[in-house]
Structure formats: structure tokens, C-alpha cells
Amino acid sequence: MTNLLTQTEEMILVTVWSIENSAYCVPIRDHLNTLSKKKWSLGAVYDSLERLERKGYLVSRMSEPSGERGGRSKRLYKMTAAGKQALVQIRRIQETLWMGIKNLEKESR
């Protein structure tokens, strides 16, 4: 069994998967800001990216220097097979948990 993901880790992995080859911290943070309607700090995103890389769910590499960044490189992230497996597992668990929940929106009003 894979280690379960935190909600933040899950959101970041899904974002990396959806952005694909341009997955570096700034567009990841911007995507999360838009979807969650919450302000994510770059530090929080970097910390999670590093943790996911240590767990083997992401790999990173440095890009070629970019003129738009004053000649600096970007750290690009890509999901590993283990990362995909972790997302599939957490989705299955969530779907199973939610199957028994009925009328949640009606009851919370």
C-alpha cells in the first residue's frame, strides 16, 4: 500500500499532471490559487514539491536558462509512476468513502 497523500499533496500532484512539461512552482501556485480561491505561498508549494520528490512521486530537473527570468533556470517537475499510483489509490479511497454519503449539500443548508 502506498502512503496516503495529504489533501495538499493530492492537489499539487493533480496540478503537476495537468500542467505537464511546464510544471514549475509559479504556474503550480497560480493554478492552485485559481481553483481553490485561496492564496498559496511559493514556500508552501516548494515545501510540498520537495516532500513529494523525496517520496518518489515527482522528479525534477533544471530547465535551460530563460531570458524571461533574467537568465535563470526553472526547476521543472514531472510525476513518476509511483505518483500516478498514489493519485489512483487516493481517488479510489475517496470514491468508496463518498458512496455512502447522500444529500450532504441539502443537509448542510
PDB file of N, CA and C in Angstrom:
ATOM      1  N   MET A   1       0.846  -1.187   0.000  1.00  0.00           N
ATOM      2  CA  MET A   1       0.000   0.000   0.000  1.00  0.00           C
ATOM      3  C   MET A   1       0.887   1.244   0.000  1.00  0.00           C
ATOM      4  N   THR A   2       0.552   2.193  -0.815  1.00  0.00           N
ATOM      5  CA  THR A   2       1.265   3.450  -0.902  1.00  0.00           C
ATOM      6  C   THR A   2       0.907   4.316   0.303  1.00  0.00           C
ATOM      7  N   ASN A   3       1.837   5.175   0.719  1.00  0.00           N
ATOM      8  CA  ASN A   3       1.499   6.148   1.757  1.00  0.00           C
ATOM      9  C   ASN A   3       0.372   7.021   1.247  1.00  0.00           C
ATOM     10  N   LEU A   4      -0.599   7.302   2.122  1.00  0.00           N
ATOM     11  CA  LEU A   4      -1.701   8.159   1.713  1.00  0.00           C
ATOM     12  C   LEU A   4      -1.213   9.591   1.550  1.00  0.00           C
ATOM     13  N   LEU A   5      -1.800  10.281   0.621  1.00  0.00           N
ATOM     14  CA  LEU A   5      -1.454  11.666   0.350  1.00  0.00           C
ATOM     15  C   LEU A   5      -2.249  12.597   1.251  1.00  0.00           C
ATOM     16  N   THR A   6      -1.654  13.721   1.601  1.00  0.00           N
ATOM     17  CA  THR A   6      -2.425  14.780   2.231  1.00  0.00           C
ATOM     18  C   THR A   6      -3.231  15.459   1.139  1.00  0.00           C
ATOM     19  N   GLN A   7      -4.203  16.269   1.532  1.00  0.00           N
ATOM     20  CA  GLN A   7      -5.004  16.976   0.534  1.00  0.00           C
ATOM     21  C   GLN A   7      -4.118  17.924  -0.279  1.00  0.00           C
ATOM     22  N   THR A   8      -3.178  18.583   0.370  1.00  0.00           N
ATOM     23  CA  THR A   8      -2.267  19.484  -0.337  1.00  0.00           C
ATOM     24  C   THR A   8      -1.426  18.714  -1.341  1.00  0.00           C
ATOM     25  N   GLU A   9      -0.879  17.577  -0.926  1.00  0.00           N
ATOM     26  CA  GLU A   9      -0.072  16.765  -1.846  1.00  0.00           C
ATOM     27  C   GLU A   9      -0.893  16.305  -3.032  1.00  0.00           C
ATOM     28  N   GLU A  10      -2.126  15.899  -2.765  1.00  0.00           N
ATOM     29  CA  GLU A  10      -3.011  15.462  -3.850  1.00  0.00           C
ATOM     30  C   GLU A  10      -3.251  16.600  -4.836  1.00  0.00           C
ATOM     31  N   MET A  11      -3.561  17.775  -4.334  1.00  0.00           N
ATOM     32  CA  MET A  11      -3.831  18.923  -5.199  1.00  0.00           C
ATOM     33  C   MET A  11      -2.603  19.280  -6.035  1.00  0.00           C
ATOM     34  N   ILE A  12      -1.437  19.212  -5.435  1.00  0.00           N
ATOM     35  CA  ILE A  12      -0.216  19.552  -6.168  1.00  0.00           C
ATOM     36  C   ILE A  12       0.093  18.495  -7.219  1.00  0.00           C
ATOM     37  N   LEU A  13      -0.059  17.218  -6.890  1.00  0.00           N
ATOM     38  CA  LEU A  13       0.179  16.170  -7.888  1.00  0.00           C
ATOM     39  C   LEU A  13      -0.781  16.295  -9.071  1.00  0.00           C
ATOM     40  N   VAL A  14      -2.051  16.542  -8.788  1.00  0.00           N
ATOM     41  CA  VAL A  14      -3.026  16.700  -9.880  1.00  0.00           C
ATOM     42  C   VAL A  14      -2.652  17.910 -10.736  1.00  0.00           C
ATOM     43  N   THR A  15      -2.219  18.971 -10.105  1.00  0.00           N
ATOM     44  CA  THR A  15      -1.815  20.173 -10.843  1.00  0.00           C
ATOM     45  C   THR A  15      -0.592  19.901 -11.701  1.00  0.00           C
ATOM     46  N   VAL A  16       0.410  19.220 -11.159  1.00  0.00           N
ATOM     47  CA  VAL A  16       1.610  18.878 -11.946  1.00  0.00           C
ATOM     48  C   VAL A  16       1.195  18.034 -13.143  1.00  0.00           C
ATOM     49  N   TRP A  17       0.312  17.073 -12.921  1.00  0.00           N
ATOM     50  CA  TRP A  17      -0.146  16.206 -14.014  1.00  0.00           C
ATOM     51  C   TRP A  17      -0.860  17.029 -15.090  1.00  0.00           C
ATOM     52  N   SER A  18      -1.683  17.985 -14.671  1.00  0.00           N
ATOM     53  CA  SER A  18      -2.455  18.753 -15.657  1.00  0.00           C
ATOM     54  C   SER A  18      -1.601  19.776 -16.406  1.00  0.00           C
ATOM     55  N   ILE A  19      -0.579  20.336 -15.754  1.00  0.00           N
ATOM     56  CA  ILE A  19       0.280  21.319 -16.408  1.00  0.00           C
ATOM     57  C   ILE A  19       1.302  20.634 -17.314  1.00  0.00           C
ATOM     58  N   GLU A  20       1.714  19.435 -16.975  1.00  0.00           N
ATOM     59  CA  GLU A  20       2.684  18.629 -17.718  1.00  0.00           C
ATOM     60  C   GLU A  20       4.058  19.276 -17.762  1.00  0.00           C
ATOM     61  N   ASN A  21       4.619  19.492 -18.938  1.00  0.00           N
ATOM     62  CA  ASN A  21       6.025  19.880 -19.081  1.00  0.00           C
ATOM     63  C   ASN A  21       6.366  21.264 -18.550  1.00  0.00           C
ATOM     64  N   SER A  22       5.385  22.103 -18.304  1.00  0.00           N
ATOM     65  CA  SER A  22       5.683  23.438 -17.796  1.00  0.00           C
ATOM     66  C   SER A  22       5.459  23.520 -16.290  1.00  0.00           C
ATOM     67  N   ALA A  23       5.508  22.377 -15.606  1.00  0.00           N
ATOM     68  CA  ALA A  23       5.201  22.346 -14.179  1.00  0.00           C
ATOM     69  C   ALA A  23       6.384  22.837 -13.352  1.00  0.00           C
ATOM     70  N   TYR A  24       6.343  24.123 -13.035  1.00  0.00           N
ATOM     71  CA  TYR A  24       7.290  24.669 -12.069  1.00  0.00           C
ATOM     72  C   TYR A  24       6.487  25.478 -11.063  1.00  0.00           C
ATOM     73  N   CYS A  25       7.122  25.927 -10.020  1.00  0.00           N
ATOM     74  CA  CYS A  25       6.415  26.436  -8.849  1.00  0.00           C
ATOM     75  C   CYS A  25       5.397  27.534  -9.147  1.00  0.00           C
ATOM     76  N   VAL A  26       5.744  28.529  -9.949  1.00  0.00           N
ATOM     77  CA  VAL A  26       4.843  29.667 -10.156  1.00  0.00           C
ATOM     78  C   VAL A  26       3.533  29.253 -10.827  1.00  0.00           C
ATOM     79  N   PRO A  27       3.552  28.535 -11.973  1.00  0.00           N
ATOM     80  CA  PRO A  27       2.256  28.151 -12.555  1.00  0.00           C
ATOM     81  C   PRO A  27       1.493  27.141 -11.691  1.00  0.00           C
ATOM     82  N   ILE A  28       2.223  26.331 -10.921  1.00  0.00           N
ATOM     83  CA  ILE A  28       1.542  25.411  -9.997  1.00  0.00           C
ATOM     84  C   ILE A  28       0.779  26.234  -8.960  1.00  0.00           C
ATOM     85  N   ARG A  29       1.460  27.211  -8.358  1.00  0.00           N
ATOM     86  CA  ARG A  29       0.820  28.072  -7.358  1.00  0.00           C
ATOM     87  C   ARG A  29      -0.352  28.834  -7.969  1.00  0.00           C
ATOM     88  N   ASP A  30      -0.177  29.382  -9.156  1.00  0.00           N
ATOM     89  CA  ASP A  30      -1.251  30.139  -9.798  1.00  0.00           C
ATOM     90  C   ASP A  30      -2.472  29.263 -10.066  1.00  0.00           C
ATOM     91  N   HIS A  31      -2.233  28.044 -10.521  1.00  0.00           N
ATOM     92  CA  HIS A  31      -3.328  27.094 -10.779  1.00  0.00           C
ATOM     93  C   HIS A  31      -4.076  26.785  -9.483  1.00  0.00           C
ATOM     94  N   LEU A  32      -3.326  26.542  -8.414  1.00  0.00           N
ATOM     95  CA  LEU A  32      -3.944  26.254  -7.116  1.00  0.00           C
ATOM     96  C   LEU A  32      -4.715  27.462  -6.588  1.00  0.00           C
ATOM     97  N   ASN A  33      -4.172  28.666  -6.756  1.00  0.00           N
ATOM     98  CA  ASN A  33      -4.875  29.889  -6.337  1.00  0.00           C
ATOM     99  C   ASN A  33      -6.219  29.997  -7.042  1.00  0.00           C
ATOM    100  N   THR A  34      -6.222  29.748  -8.345  1.00  0.00           N
ATOM    101  CA  THR A  34      -7.446  29.870  -9.139  1.00  0.00           C
ATOM    102  C   THR A  34      -8.478  28.831  -8.721  1.00  0.00           C
ATOM    103  N   LEU A  35      -8.054  27.592  -8.597  1.00  0.00           N
ATOM    104  CA  LEU A  35      -9.003  26.518  -8.290  1.00  0.00           C
ATOM    105  C   LEU A  35      -9.536  26.573  -6.868  1.00  0.00           C
ATOM    106  N   SER A  36      -8.670  26.867  -5.923  1.00  0.00           N
ATOM    107  CA  SER A  36      -9.072  26.803  -4.517  1.00  0.00           C
ATOM    108  C   SER A  36      -9.611  28.122  -3.984  1.00  0.00           C
ATOM    109  N   LYS A  37      -9.428  29.211  -4.749  1.00  0.00           N
ATOM    110  CA  LYS A  37      -9.814  30.552  -4.291  1.00  0.00           C
ATOM    111  C   LYS A  37      -9.089  30.893  -2.984  1.00  0.00           C
ATOM    112  N   LYS A  38      -7.899  30.374  -2.833  1.00  0.00           N
ATOM    113  CA  LYS A  38      -7.065  30.581  -1.652  1.00  0.00           C
ATOM    114  C   LYS A  38      -5.702  31.065  -2.128  1.00  0.00           C
ATOM    115  N   LYS A  39      -5.039  31.890  -1.321  1.00  0.00           N
ATOM    116  CA  LYS A  39      -3.697  32.369  -1.667  1.00  0.00           C
ATOM    117  C   LYS A  39      -2.671  31.349  -1.179  1.00  0.00           C
ATOM    118  N   TRP A  40      -1.965  30.736  -2.115  1.00  0.00           N
ATOM    119  CA  TRP A  40      -0.898  29.793  -1.790  1.00  0.00           C
ATOM    120  C   TRP A  40       0.429  30.548  -1.847  1.00  0.00           C
ATOM    121  N   SER A  41       1.256  30.360  -0.856  1.00  0.00           N
ATOM    122  CA  SER A  41       2.584  30.978  -0.893  1.00  0.00           C
ATOM    123  C   SER A  41       3.524  30.086  -1.703  1.00  0.00           C
ATOM    124  N   LEU A  42       4.524  30.711  -2.307  1.00  0.00           N
ATOM    125  CA  LEU A  42       5.518  29.926  -3.045  1.00  0.00           C
ATOM    126  C   LEU A  42       6.216  28.953  -2.116  1.00  0.00           C
ATOM    127  N   GLY A  43       6.477  29.366  -0.877  1.00  0.00           N
ATOM    128  CA  GLY A  43       7.149  28.492   0.090  1.00  0.00           C
ATOM    129  C   GLY A  43       6.352  27.230   0.385  1.00  0.00           C
ATOM    130  N   ALA A  44       5.048  27.372   0.540  1.00  0.00           N
ATOM    131  CA  ALA A  44       4.199  26.201   0.803  1.00  0.00           C
ATOM    132  C   ALA A  44       4.217  25.245  -0.376  1.00  0.00           C
ATOM    133  N   VAL A  45       4.209  25.796  -1.585  1.00  0.00           N
ATOM    134  CA  VAL A  45       4.248  24.952  -2.778  1.00  0.00           C
ATOM    135  C   VAL A  45       5.609  24.275  -2.895  1.00  0.00           C
ATOM    136  N   TYR A  46       6.691  25.046  -2.709  1.00  0.00           N
ATOM    137  CA  TYR A  46       8.038  24.458  -2.772  1.00  0.00           C
ATOM    138  C   TYR A  46       8.207  23.338  -1.750  1.00  0.00           C
ATOM    139  N   ASP A  47       7.755  23.577  -0.517  1.00  0.00           N
ATOM    140  CA  ASP A  47       7.885  22.545   0.522  1.00  0.00           C
ATOM    141  C   ASP A  47       7.183  21.258   0.113  1.00  0.00           C
ATOM    142  N   SER A  48       5.976  21.399  -0.416  1.00  0.00           N
ATOM    143  CA  SER A  48       5.217  20.215  -0.840  1.00  0.00           C
ATOM    144  C   SER A  48       5.869  19.526  -2.028  1.00  0.00           C
ATOM    145  N   LEU A  49       6.370  20.309  -2.983  1.00  0.00           N
ATOM    146  CA  LEU A  49       7.050  19.726  -4.136  1.00  0.00           C
ATOM    147  C   LEU A  49       8.284  18.936  -3.688  1.00  0.00           C
ATOM    148  N   GLU A  50       9.052  19.493  -2.777  1.00  0.00           N
ATOM    149  CA  GLU A  50      10.246  18.798  -2.273  1.00  0.00           C
ATOM    150  C   GLU A  50       9.861  17.516  -1.545  1.00  0.00           C
ATOM    151  N   ARG A  51       8.796  17.578  -0.722  1.00  0.00           N
ATOM    152  CA  ARG A  51       8.346  16.388   0.010  1.00  0.00           C
ATOM    153  C   ARG A  51       7.878  15.304  -0.964  1.00  0.00           C
ATOM    154  N   LEU A  52       7.137  15.703  -1.995  1.00  0.00           N
ATOM    155  CA  LEU A  52       6.660  14.733  -2.984  1.00  0.00           C
ATOM    156  C   LEU A  52       7.825  14.132  -3.776  1.00  0.00           C
ATOM    157  N   GLU A  53       8.853  14.920  -4.005  1.00  0.00           N
ATOM    158  CA  GLU A  53      10.032  14.392  -4.695  1.00  0.00           C
ATOM    159  C   GLU A  53      10.771  13.397  -3.794  1.00  0.00           C
ATOM    160  N   ARG A  54      10.895  13.706  -2.518  1.00  0.00           N
ATOM    161  CA  ARG A  54      11.546  12.770  -1.575  1.00  0.00           C
ATOM    162  C   ARG A  54      10.773  11.454  -1.483  1.00  0.00           C
ATOM    163  N   LYS A  55       9.459  11.528  -1.571  1.00  0.00           N
ATOM    164  CA  LYS A  55       8.618  10.326  -1.518  1.00  0.00           C
ATOM    165  C   LYS A  55       8.690   9.521  -2.811  1.00  0.00           C
ATOM    166  N   GLY A  56       9.264  10.105  -3.866  1.00  0.00           N
ATOM    167  CA  GLY A  56       9.372   9.409  -5.143  1.00  0.00           C
ATOM    168  C   GLY A  56       8.179   9.606  -6.055  1.00  0.00           C
ATOM    169  N   TYR A  57       7.294  10.561  -5.732  1.00  0.00           N
ATOM    170  CA  TYR A  57       6.107  10.809  -6.537  1.00  0.00           C
ATOM    171  C   TYR A  57       6.366  11.817  -7.660  1.00  0.00           C
ATOM    172  N   LEU A  58       7.424  12.597  -7.526  1.00  0.00           N
ATOM    173  CA  LEU A  58       7.830  13.562  -8.536  1.00  0.00           C
ATOM    174  C   LEU A  58       9.319  13.437  -8.781  1.00  0.00           C
ATOM    175  N   VAL A  59       9.749  13.822  -9.957  1.00  0.00           N
ATOM    176  CA  VAL A  59      11.169  14.021 -10.252  1.00  0.00           C
ATOM    177  C   VAL A  59      11.290  15.441 -10.787  1.00  0.00           C
ATOM    178  N   SER A  60      12.465  16.016 -10.621  1.00  0.00           N
ATOM    179  CA  SER A  60      12.655  17.374 -11.126  1.00  0.00           C
ATOM    180  C   SER A  60      13.949  17.458 -11.910  1.00  0.00           C
ATOM    181  N   ARG A  61      13.998  18.484 -12.733  1.00  0.00           N
ATOM    182  CA  ARG A  61      15.209  18.794 -13.492  1.00  0.00           C
ATOM    183  C   ARG A  61      15.244  20.290 -13.695  1.00  0.00           C
ATOM    184  N   MET A  62      16.425  20.805 -13.956  1.00  0.00           N
ATOM    185  CA  MET A  62      16.571  22.224 -14.209  1.00  0.00           C
ATOM    186  C   MET A  62      16.402  22.482 -15.703  1.00  0.00           C
ATOM    187  N   SER A  63      15.677  23.533 -16.032  1.00  0.00           N
ATOM    188  CA  SER A  63      15.477  23.919 -17.431  1.00  0.00           C
ATOM    189  C   SER A  63      16.712  24.664 -17.922  1.00  0.00           C
ATOM    190  N   GLU A  64      16.716  24.915 -19.206  1.00  0.00           N
ATOM    191  CA  GLU A  64      17.738  25.792 -19.768  1.00  0.00           C
ATOM    192  C   GLU A  64      17.490  27.197 -19.234  1.00  0.00           C
ATOM    193  N   PRO A  65      18.532  28.011 -19.095  1.00  0.00           N
ATOM    194  CA  PRO A  65      18.324  29.396 -18.646  1.00  0.00           C
ATOM    195  C   PRO A  65      17.331  30.122 -19.556  1.00  0.00           C
ATOM    196  N   SER A  66      16.511  30.948 -18.957  1.00  0.00           N
ATOM    197  CA  SER A  66      15.440  31.622 -19.682  1.00  0.00           C
ATOM    198  C   SER A  66      15.654  33.130 -19.654  1.00  0.00           C
ATOM    199  N   GLY A  67      15.497  33.764 -20.809  1.00  0.00           N
ATOM    200  CA  GLY A  67      15.617  35.212 -20.895  1.00  0.00           C
ATOM    201  C   GLY A  67      14.552  35.924 -20.085  1.00  0.00           C
ATOM    202  N   GLU A  68      13.367  35.313 -19.985  1.00  0.00           N
ATOM    203  CA  GLU A  68      12.273  35.931 -19.230  1.00  0.00           C
ATOM    204  C   GLU A  68      12.545  35.943 -17.733  1.00  0.00           C
ATOM    205  N   ARG A  69      13.481  35.163 -17.280  1.00  0.00           N
ATOM    206  CA  ARG A  69      13.807  35.104 -15.850  1.00  0.00           C
ATOM    207  C   ARG A  69      15.209  35.661 -15.590  1.00  0.00           C
ATOM    208  N   GLY A  70      15.666  36.531 -16.448  1.00  0.00           N
ATOM    209  CA  GLY A  70      16.983  37.121 -16.248  1.00  0.00           C
ATOM    210  C   GLY A  70      18.111  36.117 -16.382  1.00  0.00           C
ATOM    211  N   GLY A  71      17.909  35.104 -17.220  1.00  0.00           N
ATOM    212  CA  GLY A  71      18.947  34.101 -17.442  1.00  0.00           C
ATOM    213  C   GLY A  71      18.952  32.968 -16.435  1.00  0.00           C
ATOM    214  N   ARG A  72      17.961  32.929 -15.551  1.00  0.00           N
ATOM    215  CA  ARG A  72      17.911  31.855 -14.547  1.00  0.00           C
ATOM    216  C   ARG A  72      17.129  30.647 -15.078  1.00  0.00           C
ATOM    217  N   SER A  73      17.468  29.497 -14.529  1.00  0.00           N
ATOM    218  CA  SER A  73      16.769  28.259 -14.877  1.00  0.00           C
ATOM    219  C   SER A  73      15.563  28.069 -13.969  1.00  0.00           C
ATOM    220  N   LYS A  74      14.640  27.216 -14.408  1.00  0.00           N
ATOM    221  CA  LYS A  74      13.474  26.835 -13.609  1.00  0.00           C
ATOM    222  C   LYS A  74      13.640  25.377 -13.202  1.00  0.00           C
ATOM    223  N   ARG A  75      13.144  25.032 -12.037  1.00  0.00           N
ATOM    224  CA  ARG A  75      13.073  23.621 -11.638  1.00  0.00           C
ATOM    225  C   ARG A  75      11.726  23.092 -12.109  1.00  0.00           C
ATOM    226  N   LEU A  76      11.771  22.179 -13.081  1.00  0.00           N
ATOM    227  CA  LEU A  76      10.567  21.598 -13.667  1.00  0.00           C
ATOM    228  C   LEU A  76      10.266  20.262 -13.008  1.00  0.00           C
ATOM    229  N   TYR A  77       9.013  20.011 -12.741  1.00  0.00           N
ATOM    230  CA  TYR A  77       8.590  18.784 -12.057  1.00  0.00           C
ATOM    231  C   TYR A  77       7.755  17.910 -12.985  1.00  0.00           C
ATOM    232  N   LYS A  78       7.934  16.618 -12.812  1.00  0.00           N
ATOM    233  CA  LYS A  78       7.186  15.631 -13.588  1.00  0.00           C
ATOM    234  C   LYS A  78       6.772  14.501 -12.645  1.00  0.00           C
ATOM    235  N   MET A  79       5.567  14.002 -12.829  1.00  0.00           N
ATOM    236  CA  MET A  79       5.079  12.925 -11.980  1.00  0.00           C
ATOM    237  C   MET A  79       5.695  11.583 -12.376  1.00  0.00           C
ATOM    238  N   THR A  80       5.991  10.775 -11.382  1.00  0.00           N
ATOM    239  CA  THR A  80       6.525   9.430 -11.607  1.00  0.00           C
ATOM    240  C   THR A  80       5.372   8.422 -11.636  1.00  0.00           C
ATOM    241  N   ALA A  81       5.696   7.195 -11.976  1.00  0.00           N
ATOM    242  CA  ALA A  81       4.689   6.116 -11.943  1.00  0.00           C
ATOM    243  C   ALA A  81       4.152   5.952 -10.525  1.00  0.00           C
ATOM    244  N   ALA A  82       5.014   6.092  -9.517  1.00  0.00           N
ATOM    245  CA  ALA A  82       4.569   5.990  -8.123  1.00  0.00           C
ATOM    246  C   ALA A  82       3.605   7.116  -7.774  1.00  0.00           C
ATOM    247  N   GLY A  83       3.837   8.311  -8.322  1.00  0.00           N
ATOM    248  CA  GLY A  83       2.923   9.434  -8.098  1.00  0.00           C
ATOM    249  C   GLY A  83       1.562   9.171  -8.710  1.00  0.00           C
ATOM    250  N   LYS A  84       1.556   8.627  -9.920  1.00  0.00           N
ATOM    251  CA  LYS A  84       0.284   8.283 -10.578  1.00  0.00           C
ATOM    252  C   LYS A  84      -0.457   7.235  -9.763  1.00  0.00           C
ATOM    253  N   GLN A  85       0.282   6.240  -9.282  1.00  0.00           N
ATOM    254  CA  GLN A  85      -0.329   5.179  -8.485  1.00  0.00           C
ATOM    255  C   GLN A  85      -0.926   5.745  -7.194  1.00  0.00           C
ATOM    256  N   ALA A  86      -0.224   6.674  -6.563  1.00  0.00           N
ATOM    257  CA  ALA A  86      -0.730   7.291  -5.331  1.00  0.00           C
ATOM    258  C   ALA A  86      -2.018   8.058  -5.594  1.00  0.00           C
ATOM    259  N   LEU A  87      -2.093   8.771  -6.733  1.00  0.00           N
ATOM    260  CA  LEU A  87      -3.319   9.502  -7.071  1.00  0.00           C
ATOM    261  C   LEU A  87      -4.480   8.559  -7.338  1.00  0.00           C
ATOM    262  N   VAL A  88      -4.215   7.482  -8.068  1.00  0.00           N
ATOM    263  CA  VAL A  88      -5.265   6.500  -8.349  1.00  0.00           C
ATOM    264  C   VAL A  88      -5.776   5.901  -7.037  1.00  0.00           C
ATOM    265  N   GLN A  89      -4.848   5.578  -6.140  1.00  0.00           N
ATOM    266  CA  GLN A  89      -5.236   4.977  -4.863  1.00  0.00           C
ATOM    267  C   GLN A  89      -6.088   5.936  -4.030  1.00  0.00           C
ATOM    268  N   ILE A  90      -5.668   7.195  -3.915  1.00  0.00           N
ATOM    269  CA  ILE A  90      -6.432   8.134  -3.089  1.00  0.00           C
ATOM    270  C   ILE A  90      -7.795   8.410  -3.705  1.00  0.00           C
ATOM    271  N   ARG A  91      -7.868   8.414  -5.024  1.00  0.00           N
ATOM    272  CA  ARG A  91      -9.173   8.627  -5.679  1.00  0.00           C
ATOM    273  C   ARG A  91     -10.109   7.456  -5.402  1.00  0.00           C
ATOM    274  N   ARG A  92      -9.596   6.244  -5.472  1.00  0.00           N
ATOM    275  CA  ARG A  92     -10.433   5.061  -5.176  1.00  0.00           C
ATOM    276  C   ARG A  92     -10.948   5.107  -3.740  1.00  0.00           C
ATOM    277  N   ILE A  93     -10.075   5.461  -2.821  1.00  0.00           N
ATOM    278  CA  ILE A  93     -10.467   5.548  -1.416  1.00  0.00           C
ATOM    279  C   ILE A  93     -11.554   6.603  -1.239  1.00  0.00           C
ATOM    280  N   GLN A  94     -11.371   7.777  -1.840  1.00  0.00           N
ATOM    281  CA  GLN A  94     -12.358   8.849  -1.717  1.00  0.00           C
ATOM    282  C   GLN A  94     -13.693   8.448  -2.334  1.00  0.00           C
ATOM    283  N   GLU A  95     -13.660   7.821  -3.501  1.00  0.00           N
ATOM    284  CA  GLU A  95     -14.909   7.402  -4.140  1.00  0.00           C
ATOM    285  C   GLU A  95     -15.657   6.402  -3.267  1.00  0.00           C
ATOM    286  N   THR A  96     -14.925   5.477  -2.646  1.00  0.00           N
ATOM    287  CA  THR A  96     -15.546   4.499  -1.763  1.00  0.00           C
ATOM    288  C   THR A  96     -16.149   5.181  -0.544  1.00  0.00           C
ATOM    289  N   LEU A  97     -15.415   6.117   0.036  1.00  0.00           N
ATOM    290  CA  LEU A  97     -15.929   6.840   1.198  1.00  0.00           C
ATOM    291  C   LEU A  97     -17.176   7.647   0.860  1.00  0.00           C
ATOM    292  N   TRP A  98     -17.185   8.311  -0.293  1.00  0.00           N
ATOM    293  CA  TRP A  98     -18.291   9.180  -0.661  1.00  0.00           C
ATOM    294  C   TRP A  98     -19.517   8.413  -1.135  1.00  0.00           C
ATOM    295  N   MET A  99     -19.372   7.135  -1.500  1.00  0.00           N
ATOM    296  CA  MET A  99     -20.533   6.377  -1.985  1.00  0.00           C
ATOM    297  C   MET A  99     -21.641   6.314  -0.939  1.00  0.00           C
ATOM    298  N   GLY A 100     -21.292   6.275   0.317  1.00  0.00           N
ATOM    299  CA  GLY A 100     -22.300   6.167   1.372  1.00  0.00           C
ATOM    300  C   GLY A 100     -22.894   7.489   1.809  1.00  0.00           C
ATOM    301  N   ILE A 101     -22.440   8.586   1.254  1.00  0.00           N
ATOM    302  CA  ILE A 101     -22.923   9.912   1.659  1.00  0.00           C
ATOM    303  C   ILE A 101     -24.021  10.364   0.701  1.00  0.00           C
ATOM    304  N   LYS A 102     -25.184  10.670   1.265  1.00  0.00           N
ATOM    305  CA  LYS A 102     -26.310  11.115   0.447  1.00  0.00           C
ATOM    306  C   LYS A 102     -26.803  12.462   0.954  1.00  0.00           C
ATOM    307  N   ASN A 103     -27.188  13.300   0.043  1.00  0.00           N
ATOM    308  CA  ASN A 103     -27.819  14.576   0.368  1.00  0.00           C
ATOM    309  C   ASN A 103     -26.975  15.450   1.297  1.00  0.00           C
ATOM    310  N   LEU A 104     -25.690  15.400   1.164  1.00  0.00           N
ATOM    311  CA  LEU A 104     -24.813  16.202   2.022  1.00  0.00           C
ATOM    312  C   LEU A 104     -25.079  17.695   1.838  1.00  0.00           C
ATOM    313  N   GLU A 105     -25.234  18.134   0.609  1.00  0.00           N
ATOM    314  CA  GLU A 105     -25.477  19.560   0.353  1.00  0.00           C
ATOM    315  C   GLU A 105     -26.816  20.011   0.922  1.00  0.00           C
ATOM    316  N   LYS A 106     -27.834  19.182   0.835  1.00  0.00           N
ATOM    317  CA  LYS A 106     -29.146  19.558   1.367  1.00  0.00           C
ATOM    318  C   LYS A 106     -29.106  19.656   2.889  1.00  0.00           C
ATOM    319  N   GLU A 107     -28.389  18.738   3.544  1.00  0.00           N
ATOM    320  CA  GLU A 107     -28.339  18.713   4.987  1.00  0.00           C
ATOM    321  C   GLU A 107     -27.499  19.834   5.572  1.00  0.00           C
ATOM    322  N   SER A 108     -26.539  20.367   4.811  1.00  0.00           N
ATOM    323  CA  SER A 108     -25.675  21.395   5.353  1.00  0.00           C
ATOM    324  C   SER A 108     -26.278  22.789   5.255  1.00  0.00           C
ATOM    325  N   ARG A 109     -27.393  22.917   4.615  1.00  0.00           N
ATOM    326  CA  ARG A 109     -28.024  24.247   4.438  1.00  0.00           C
ATOM    327  C   ARG A 109     -28.922  24.569   5.581  1.00  0.00           C
TER     328      ARG A 109
END
